[in-house]
PDB file of all heavy atoms in Angstrom:
ATOM      1  N   SER A   1       1.273   8.798  -8.061  1.00  0.00           N
ATOM      2  CA  SER A   1       1.918   8.748  -9.368  1.00  0.00           C
ATOM      3  C   SER A   1       2.100   7.281  -9.724  1.00  0.00           C
ATOM      4  O   SER A   1       1.797   6.402  -8.919  1.00  0.00           O
ATOM      5  CB  SER A   1       3.277   9.455  -9.327  1.00  0.00           C
ATOM      6  OG  SER A   1       3.802   9.609 -10.637  1.00  0.00           O
ATOM      7  N   ALA A   2       2.604   7.020 -10.904  1.00  0.00           N
ATOM      8  CA  ALA A   2       3.015   5.668 -11.251  1.00  0.00           C
ATOM      9  C   ALA A   2       4.296   5.368 -10.486  1.00  0.00           C
ATOM     10  O   ALA A   2       4.981   6.272  -9.993  1.00  0.00           O
ATOM     11  CB  ALA A   2       3.252   5.571 -12.757  1.00  0.00           C
ATOM     12  N   ALA A   3       4.634   4.090 -10.373  1.00  0.00           N
ATOM     13  CA  ALA A   3       5.919   3.716  -9.782  1.00  0.00           C
ATOM     14  C   ALA A   3       7.037   4.328 -10.623  1.00  0.00           C
ATOM     15  O   ALA A   3       6.883   4.549 -11.831  1.00  0.00           O
ATOM     16  CB  ALA A   3       6.046   2.199  -9.740  1.00  0.00           C
ATOM     17  N   ALA A   4       8.153   4.615  -9.992  1.00  0.00           N
ATOM     18  CA  ALA A   4       9.274   5.242 -10.701  1.00  0.00           C
ATOM     19  C   ALA A   4       9.699   4.416 -11.919  1.00  0.00           C
ATOM     20  O   ALA A   4      10.070   4.968 -12.948  1.00  0.00           O
ATOM     21  CB  ALA A   4      10.448   5.446  -9.749  1.00  0.00           C
ATOM     22  N   SER A   5       9.624   3.093 -11.812  1.00  0.00           N
ATOM     23  CA  SER A   5      10.015   2.236 -12.936  1.00  0.00           C
ATOM     24  C   SER A   5       9.059   2.352 -14.121  1.00  0.00           C
ATOM     25  O   SER A   5       9.367   1.882 -15.214  1.00  0.00           O
ATOM     26  CB  SER A   5      10.105   0.783 -12.479  1.00  0.00           C
ATOM     27  OG  SER A   5       8.890   0.364 -11.895  1.00  0.00           O
ATOM     28  N   TYR A   6       7.913   2.990 -13.895  1.00  0.00           N
ATOM     29  CA  TYR A   6       6.935   3.232 -14.970  1.00  0.00           C
ATOM     30  C   TYR A   6       6.813   4.729 -15.270  1.00  0.00           C
ATOM     31  O   TYR A   6       5.742   5.229 -15.586  1.00  0.00           O
ATOM     32  CB  TYR A   6       5.578   2.629 -14.603  1.00  0.00           C
ATOM     33  CG  TYR A   6       5.635   1.123 -14.562  1.00  0.00           C
ATOM     34  CD1 TYR A   6       5.820   0.461 -13.357  1.00  0.00           C
ATOM     35  CD2 TYR A   6       5.554   0.386 -15.724  1.00  0.00           C
ATOM     36  CE1 TYR A   6       5.912  -0.919 -13.323  1.00  0.00           C
ATOM     37  CE2 TYR A   6       5.639  -0.994 -15.699  1.00  0.00           C
ATOM     38  CZ  TYR A   6       5.823  -1.643 -14.489  1.00  0.00           C
ATOM     39  OH  TYR A   6       5.922  -3.017 -14.448  1.00  0.00           O
ATOM     40  N   LYS A   7       7.936   5.435 -15.112  1.00  0.00           N
ATOM     41  CA  LYS A   7       8.040   6.864 -15.418  1.00  0.00           C
ATOM     42  C   LYS A   7       7.239   7.753 -14.471  1.00  0.00           C
ATOM     43  O   LYS A   7       6.849   8.858 -14.820  1.00  0.00           O
ATOM     44  CB  LYS A   7       7.648   7.151 -16.869  1.00  0.00           C
ATOM     45  CG  LYS A   7       8.513   6.438 -17.887  1.00  0.00           C
ATOM     46  CD  LYS A   7       8.125   6.822 -19.290  1.00  0.00           C
ATOM     47  CE  LYS A   7       8.985   6.097 -20.300  1.00  0.00           C
ATOM     48  NZ  LYS A   7       8.655   6.465 -21.660  1.00  0.00           N
ATOM     49  N   GLY A   8       6.979   7.252 -13.266  1.00  0.00           N
ATOM     50  CA  GLY A   8       6.261   8.046 -12.283  1.00  0.00           C
ATOM     51  C   GLY A   8       7.208   8.781 -11.355  1.00  0.00           C
ATOM     52  O   GLY A   8       8.426   8.631 -11.420  1.00  0.00           O
ATOM     53  N   ASP A   9       6.630   9.573 -10.483  1.00  0.00           N
ATOM     54  CA  ASP A   9       7.366  10.336  -9.481  1.00  0.00           C
ATOM     55  C   ASP A   9       7.577   9.433  -8.272  1.00  0.00           C
ATOM     56  O   ASP A   9       6.635   9.132  -7.534  1.00  0.00           O
ATOM     57  CB  ASP A   9       6.554  11.587  -9.104  1.00  0.00           C
ATOM     58  CG  ASP A   9       7.234  12.451  -8.074  1.00  0.00           C
ATOM     59  OD1 ASP A   9       8.192  11.993  -7.409  1.00  0.00           O
ATOM     60  OD2 ASP A   9       6.798  13.606  -7.914  1.00  0.00           O
ATOM     61  N   GLY A  10       8.790   8.994  -8.066  1.00  0.00           N
ATOM     62  CA  GLY A  10       9.116   8.078  -6.977  1.00  0.00           C
ATOM     63  C   GLY A  10       8.904   8.641  -5.586  1.00  0.00           C
ATOM     64  O   GLY A  10       8.908   7.896  -4.607  1.00  0.00           O
ATOM     65  N   SER A  11       8.683   9.939  -5.463  1.00  0.00           N
ATOM     66  CA  SER A  11       8.442  10.536  -4.142  1.00  0.00           C
ATOM     67  C   SER A  11       6.962  10.457  -3.750  1.00  0.00           C
ATOM     68  O   SER A  11       6.600  10.844  -2.652  1.00  0.00           O
ATOM     69  CB  SER A  11       8.920  11.987  -4.118  1.00  0.00           C
ATOM     70  OG  SER A  11       8.078  12.806  -4.911  1.00  0.00           O
ATOM     71  N   ARG A  12       6.119   9.988  -4.681  1.00  0.00           N
ATOM     72  CA  ARG A  12       4.683   9.868  -4.409  1.00  0.00           C
ATOM     73  C   ARG A  12       4.295   8.395  -4.257  1.00  0.00           C
ATOM     74  O   ARG A  12       4.973   7.516  -4.776  1.00  0.00           O
ATOM     75  CB  ARG A  12       3.870  10.463  -5.566  1.00  0.00           C
ATOM     76  CG  ARG A  12       4.001  11.966  -5.694  1.00  0.00           C
ATOM     77  CD  ARG A  12       3.299  12.469  -6.938  1.00  0.00           C
ATOM     78  NE  ARG A  12       3.239  13.919  -6.950  1.00  0.00           N
ATOM     79  CZ  ARG A  12       2.132  14.615  -7.162  1.00  0.00           C
ATOM     80  NH1 ARG A  12       0.990  14.002  -7.406  1.00  0.00           N
ATOM     81  NH2 ARG A  12       2.159  15.919  -7.148  1.00  0.00           N
ATOM     82  N   LEU A  13       3.203   8.178  -3.559  1.00  0.00           N
ATOM     83  CA  LEU A  13       2.661   6.824  -3.471  1.00  0.00           C
ATOM     84  C   LEU A  13       2.198   6.369  -4.842  1.00  0.00           C
ATOM     85  O   LEU A  13       1.840   7.192  -5.686  1.00  0.00           O
ATOM     86  CB  LEU A  13       1.476   6.783  -2.503  1.00  0.00           C
ATOM     87  CG  LEU A  13       1.822   6.904  -1.029  1.00  0.00           C
ATOM     88  CD1 LEU A  13       0.556   7.069  -0.200  1.00  0.00           C
ATOM     89  CD2 LEU A  13       2.587   5.680  -0.563  1.00  0.00           C
ATOM     90  N   ASN A  14       2.188   5.063  -5.058  1.00  0.00           N
ATOM     91  CA  ASN A  14       1.723   4.518  -6.325  1.00  0.00           C
ATOM     92  C   ASN A  14       0.669   3.443  -6.063  1.00  0.00           C
ATOM     93  O   ASN A  14       0.531   2.971  -4.932  1.00  0.00           O
ATOM     94  CB  ASN A  14       2.903   3.986  -7.152  1.00  0.00           C
ATOM     95  CG  ASN A  14       3.642   2.886  -6.434  1.00  0.00           C
ATOM     96  OD1 ASN A  14       3.091   1.822  -6.183  1.00  0.00           O
ATOM     97  ND2 ASN A  14       4.910   3.128  -6.109  1.00  0.00           N
ATOM     98  N   PRO A  15      -0.098   3.048  -7.081  1.00  0.00           N
ATOM     99  CA  PRO A  15      -1.163   2.067  -6.881  1.00  0.00           C
ATOM    100  C   PRO A  15      -0.675   0.733  -6.316  1.00  0.00           C
ATOM    101  O   PRO A  15      -1.364   0.112  -5.502  1.00  0.00           O
ATOM    102  CB  PRO A  15      -1.757   1.878  -8.285  1.00  0.00           C
ATOM    103  CG  PRO A  15      -1.433   3.132  -9.006  1.00  0.00           C
ATOM    104  CD  PRO A  15      -0.103   3.580  -8.460  1.00  0.00           C
ATOM    105  N   GLU A  16       0.525   0.304  -6.723  1.00  0.00           N
ATOM    106  CA  GLU A  16       1.041  -0.968  -6.229  1.00  0.00           C
ATOM    107  C   GLU A  16       1.296  -0.909  -4.719  1.00  0.00           C
ATOM    108  O   GLU A  16       0.937  -1.828  -3.978  1.00  0.00           O
ATOM    109  CB  GLU A  16       2.331  -1.335  -6.975  1.00  0.00           C
ATOM    110  CG  GLU A  16       2.152  -1.535  -8.467  1.00  0.00           C
ATOM    111  CD  GLU A  16       2.190  -0.252  -9.307  1.00  0.00           C
ATOM    112  OE1 GLU A  16       2.325   0.862  -8.748  1.00  0.00           O
ATOM    113  OE2 GLU A  16       2.078  -0.366 -10.534  1.00  0.00           O
ATOM    114  N   ALA A  17       1.900   0.179  -4.264  1.00  0.00           N
ATOM    115  CA  ALA A  17       2.162   0.341  -2.827  1.00  0.00           C
ATOM    116  C   ALA A  17       0.850   0.447  -2.052  1.00  0.00           C
ATOM    117  O   ALA A  17       0.720  -0.100  -0.955  1.00  0.00           O
ATOM    118  CB  ALA A  17       3.028   1.578  -2.582  1.00  0.00           C
ATOM    119  N   LEU A  18      -0.121   1.137  -2.620  1.00  0.00           N
ATOM    120  CA  LEU A  18      -1.420   1.259  -1.952  1.00  0.00           C
ATOM    121  C   LEU A  18      -2.134  -0.092  -1.864  1.00  0.00           C
ATOM    122  O   LEU A  18      -2.797  -0.382  -0.873  1.00  0.00           O
ATOM    123  CB  LEU A  18      -2.301   2.276  -2.675  1.00  0.00           C
ATOM    124  CG  LEU A  18      -1.836   3.726  -2.574  1.00  0.00           C
ATOM    125  CD1 LEU A  18      -2.664   4.611  -3.500  1.00  0.00           C
ATOM    126  CD2 LEU A  18      -1.913   4.223  -1.147  1.00  0.00           C
ATOM    127  N   PHE A  19      -1.988  -0.922  -2.882  1.00  0.00           N
ATOM    128  CA  PHE A  19      -2.567  -2.263  -2.878  1.00  0.00           C
ATOM    129  C   PHE A  19      -1.992  -3.082  -1.722  1.00  0.00           C
ATOM    130  O   PHE A  19      -2.729  -3.692  -0.939  1.00  0.00           O
ATOM    131  CB  PHE A  19      -2.278  -2.935  -4.229  1.00  0.00           C
ATOM    132  CG  PHE A  19      -2.904  -4.280  -4.411  1.00  0.00           C
ATOM    133  CD1 PHE A  19      -4.230  -4.405  -4.779  1.00  0.00           C
ATOM    134  CD2 PHE A  19      -2.154  -5.428  -4.247  1.00  0.00           C
ATOM    135  CE1 PHE A  19      -4.806  -5.652  -4.971  1.00  0.00           C
ATOM    136  CE2 PHE A  19      -2.714  -6.677  -4.437  1.00  0.00           C
ATOM    137  CZ  PHE A  19      -4.047  -6.794  -4.800  1.00  0.00           C
ATOM    138  N   VAL A  20      -0.660  -3.071  -1.602  1.00  0.00           N
ATOM    139  CA  VAL A  20       0.003  -3.795  -0.517  1.00  0.00           C
ATOM    140  C   VAL A  20      -0.418  -3.218   0.834  1.00  0.00           C
ATOM    141  O   VAL A  20      -0.707  -3.955   1.783  1.00  0.00           O
ATOM    142  CB  VAL A  20       1.539  -3.751  -0.690  1.00  0.00           C
ATOM    143  CG1 VAL A  20       2.250  -4.372   0.513  1.00  0.00           C
ATOM    144  CG2 VAL A  20       1.946  -4.460  -1.973  1.00  0.00           C
ATOM    145  N   THR A  21      -0.500  -1.898   0.928  1.00  0.00           N
ATOM    146  CA  THR A  21      -0.901  -1.230   2.162  1.00  0.00           C
ATOM    147  C   THR A  21      -2.317  -1.612   2.571  1.00  0.00           C
ATOM    148  O   THR A  21      -2.590  -1.838   3.753  1.00  0.00           O
ATOM    149  CB  THR A  21      -0.785   0.298   2.008  1.00  0.00           C
ATOM    150  OG1 THR A  21       0.563   0.618   1.677  1.00  0.00           O
ATOM    151  CG2 THR A  21      -1.190   1.023   3.271  1.00  0.00           C
ATOM    152  N   ALA A  22      -3.219  -1.686   1.603  1.00  0.00           N
ATOM    153  CA  ALA A  22      -4.612  -2.047   1.913  1.00  0.00           C
ATOM    154  C   ALA A  22      -4.685  -3.437   2.517  1.00  0.00           C
ATOM    155  O   ALA A  22      -5.397  -3.664   3.511  1.00  0.00           O
ATOM    156  CB  ALA A  22      -5.470  -1.964   0.656  1.00  0.00           C
ATOM    157  N   ILE A  23      -3.942  -4.376   1.966  1.00  0.00           N
ATOM    158  CA  ILE A  23      -3.973  -5.739   2.485  1.00  0.00           C
ATOM    159  C   ILE A  23      -3.297  -5.815   3.849  1.00  0.00           C
ATOM    160  O   ILE A  23      -3.822  -6.420   4.787  1.00  0.00           O
ATOM    161  CB  ILE A  23      -3.327  -6.706   1.476  1.00  0.00           C
ATOM    162  CG1 ILE A  23      -4.188  -6.737   0.209  1.00  0.00           C
ATOM    163  CG2 ILE A  23      -3.171  -8.103   2.060  1.00  0.00           C
ATOM    164  CD1 ILE A  23      -3.520  -7.332  -0.979  1.00  0.00           C
ATOM    165  N   SER A  24      -2.149  -5.180   3.995  1.00  0.00           N
ATOM    166  CA  SER A  24      -1.428  -5.189   5.258  1.00  0.00           C
ATOM    167  C   SER A  24      -2.254  -4.550   6.375  1.00  0.00           C
ATOM    168  O   SER A  24      -2.360  -5.095   7.482  1.00  0.00           O
ATOM    169  CB  SER A  24      -0.099  -4.450   5.109  1.00  0.00           C
ATOM    170  OG  SER A  24       0.562  -4.337   6.346  1.00  0.00           O
ATOM    171  N   SER A  25      -2.850  -3.408   6.099  1.00  0.00           N
ATOM    172  CA  SER A  25      -3.613  -2.710   7.143  1.00  0.00           C
ATOM    173  C   SER A  25      -4.901  -3.447   7.492  1.00  0.00           C
ATOM    174  O   SER A  25      -5.310  -3.473   8.655  1.00  0.00           O
ATOM    175  CB  SER A  25      -3.886  -1.261   6.745  1.00  0.00           C
ATOM    176  OG  SER A  25      -4.609  -1.186   5.546  1.00  0.00           O
ATOM    177  N   CYS A  26      -5.542  -4.065   6.510  1.00  0.00           N
ATOM    178  CA  CYS A  26      -6.752  -4.840   6.801  1.00  0.00           C
ATOM    179  C   CYS A  26      -6.401  -6.040   7.687  1.00  0.00           C
ATOM    180  O   CYS A  26      -7.108  -6.345   8.650  1.00  0.00           O
ATOM    181  CB  CYS A  26      -7.429  -5.290   5.510  1.00  0.00           C
ATOM    182  SG  CYS A  26      -9.022  -6.109   5.786  1.00  0.00           S
ATOM    183  N   GLN A  27      -5.315  -6.731   7.352  1.00  0.00           N
ATOM    184  CA  GLN A  27      -4.877  -7.863   8.177  1.00  0.00           C
ATOM    185  C   GLN A  27      -4.576  -7.399   9.600  1.00  0.00           C
ATOM    186  O   GLN A  27      -5.004  -8.024  10.572  1.00  0.00           O
ATOM    187  CB  GLN A  27      -3.632  -8.524   7.570  1.00  0.00           C
ATOM    188  CG  GLN A  27      -2.985  -9.596   8.431  1.00  0.00           C
ATOM    189  CD  GLN A  27      -3.775 -10.878   8.540  1.00  0.00           C
ATOM    190  OE1 GLN A  27      -4.578 -11.196   7.680  1.00  0.00           O
ATOM    191  NE2 GLN A  27      -3.564 -11.622   9.610  1.00  0.00           N
ATOM    192  N   ALA A  28      -3.853  -6.287   9.736  1.00  0.00           N
ATOM    193  CA  ALA A  28      -3.498  -5.776  11.059  1.00  0.00           C
ATOM    194  C   ALA A  28      -4.739  -5.419  11.875  1.00  0.00           C
ATOM    195  O   ALA A  28      -4.867  -5.821  13.034  1.00  0.00           O
ATOM    196  CB  ALA A  28      -2.588  -4.559  10.931  1.00  0.00           C
ATOM    197  N   LEU A  29      -5.650  -4.671  11.268  1.00  0.00           N
ATOM    198  CA  LEU A  29      -6.844  -4.245  12.004  1.00  0.00           C
ATOM    199  C   LEU A  29      -7.744  -5.431  12.368  1.00  0.00           C
ATOM    200  O   LEU A  29      -8.315  -5.467  13.461  1.00  0.00           O
ATOM    201  CB  LEU A  29      -7.616  -3.204  11.201  1.00  0.00           C
ATOM    202  CG  LEU A  29      -6.893  -1.864  11.043  1.00  0.00           C
ATOM    203  CD1 LEU A  29      -7.594  -0.994  10.016  1.00  0.00           C
ATOM    204  CD2 LEU A  29      -6.782  -1.156  12.385  1.00  0.00           C
ATOM    205  N   THR A  30      -7.840  -6.407  11.475  1.00  0.00           N
ATOM    206  CA  THR A  30      -8.639  -7.603  11.777  1.00  0.00           C
ATOM    207  C   THR A  30      -7.977  -8.401  12.885  1.00  0.00           C
ATOM    208  O   THR A  30      -8.641  -8.867  13.814  1.00  0.00           O
ATOM    209  CB  THR A  30      -8.830  -8.465  10.507  1.00  0.00           C
ATOM    210  OG1 THR A  30      -9.398  -7.651   9.480  1.00  0.00           O
ATOM    211  CG2 THR A  30      -9.747  -9.639  10.785  1.00  0.00           C
ATOM    212  N   TYR A  31      -6.650  -8.547  12.827  1.00  0.00           N
ATOM    213  CA  TYR A  31      -5.926  -9.260  13.877  1.00  0.00           C
ATOM    214  C   TYR A  31      -6.090  -8.574  15.228  1.00  0.00           C
ATOM    215  O   TYR A  31      -6.397  -9.212  16.233  1.00  0.00           O
ATOM    216  CB  TYR A  31      -4.428  -9.385  13.533  1.00  0.00           C
ATOM    217  CG  TYR A  31      -3.698 -10.143  14.604  1.00  0.00           C
ATOM    218  CD1 TYR A  31      -3.674 -11.528  14.598  1.00  0.00           C
ATOM    219  CD2 TYR A  31      -3.077  -9.478  15.663  1.00  0.00           C
ATOM    220  CE1 TYR A  31      -3.045 -12.233  15.616  1.00  0.00           C
ATOM    221  CE2 TYR A  31      -2.458 -10.167  16.678  1.00  0.00           C
ATOM    222  CZ  TYR A  31      -2.439 -11.553  16.659  1.00  0.00           C
ATOM    223  OH  TYR A  31      -1.830 -12.243  17.683  1.00  0.00           O
ATOM    224  N   LEU A  32      -5.901  -7.258  15.246  1.00  0.00           N
ATOM    225  CA  LEU A  32      -6.017  -6.523  16.514  1.00  0.00           C
ATOM    226  C   LEU A  32      -7.418  -6.619  17.092  1.00  0.00           C
ATOM    227  O   LEU A  32      -7.591  -6.750  18.313  1.00  0.00           O
ATOM    228  CB  LEU A  32      -5.599  -5.061  16.307  1.00  0.00           C
ATOM    229  CG  LEU A  32      -4.111  -4.866  15.979  1.00  0.00           C
ATOM    230  CD1 LEU A  32      -3.842  -3.441  15.523  1.00  0.00           C
ATOM    231  CD2 LEU A  32      -3.235  -5.253  17.165  1.00  0.00           C
ATOM    232  N   TYR A  33      -8.432  -6.596  16.244  1.00  0.00           N
ATOM    233  CA  TYR A  33      -9.816  -6.769  16.698  1.00  0.00           C
ATOM    234  C   TYR A  33     -10.001  -8.143  17.340  1.00  0.00           C
ATOM    235  O   TYR A  33     -10.549  -8.263  18.436  1.00  0.00           O
ATOM    236  CB  TYR A  33     -10.777  -6.580  15.522  1.00  0.00           C
ATOM    237  CG  TYR A  33     -12.195  -6.974  15.842  1.00  0.00           C
ATOM    238  CD1 TYR A  33     -13.016  -6.141  16.594  1.00  0.00           C
ATOM    239  CD2 TYR A  33     -12.709  -8.192  15.414  1.00  0.00           C
ATOM    240  CE1 TYR A  33     -14.318  -6.506  16.901  1.00  0.00           C
ATOM    241  CE2 TYR A  33     -14.003  -8.569  15.713  1.00  0.00           C
ATOM    242  CZ  TYR A  33     -14.806  -7.722  16.459  1.00  0.00           C
ATOM    243  OH  TYR A  33     -16.091  -8.089  16.767  1.00  0.00           O
ATOM    244  N   LEU A  34      -9.528  -9.185  16.651  1.00  0.00           N
ATOM    245  CA  LEU A  34      -9.670 -10.538  17.194  1.00  0.00           C
ATOM    246  C   LEU A  34      -8.873 -10.714  18.481  1.00  0.00           C
ATOM    247  O   LEU A  34      -9.337 -11.374  19.421  1.00  0.00           O
ATOM    248  CB  LEU A  34      -9.222 -11.569  16.151  1.00  0.00           C
ATOM    249  CG  LEU A  34     -10.098 -11.696  14.913  1.00  0.00           C
ATOM    250  CD1 LEU A  34      -9.465 -12.651  13.907  1.00  0.00           C
ATOM    251  CD2 LEU A  34     -11.504 -12.152  15.281  1.00  0.00           C
ATOM    252  N   ALA A  35      -7.679 -10.127  18.526  1.00  0.00           N
ATOM    253  CA  ALA A  35      -6.855 -10.221  19.735  1.00  0.00           C
ATOM    254  C   ALA A  35      -7.543  -9.533  20.913  1.00  0.00           C
ATOM    255  O   ALA A  35      -7.568 -10.065  22.030  1.00  0.00           O
ATOM    256  CB  ALA A  35      -5.482  -9.600  19.482  1.00  0.00           C
TER     257      ALA A  35
END
């Protein structure tokens, strides 16, 4: 859904959270691979 502040359902994931998640998870997986 959209973020709750944009009239979305706050109980669902939103594009902004998914964007942050994509970057965080890519960094983690790349770091763990290098480690």
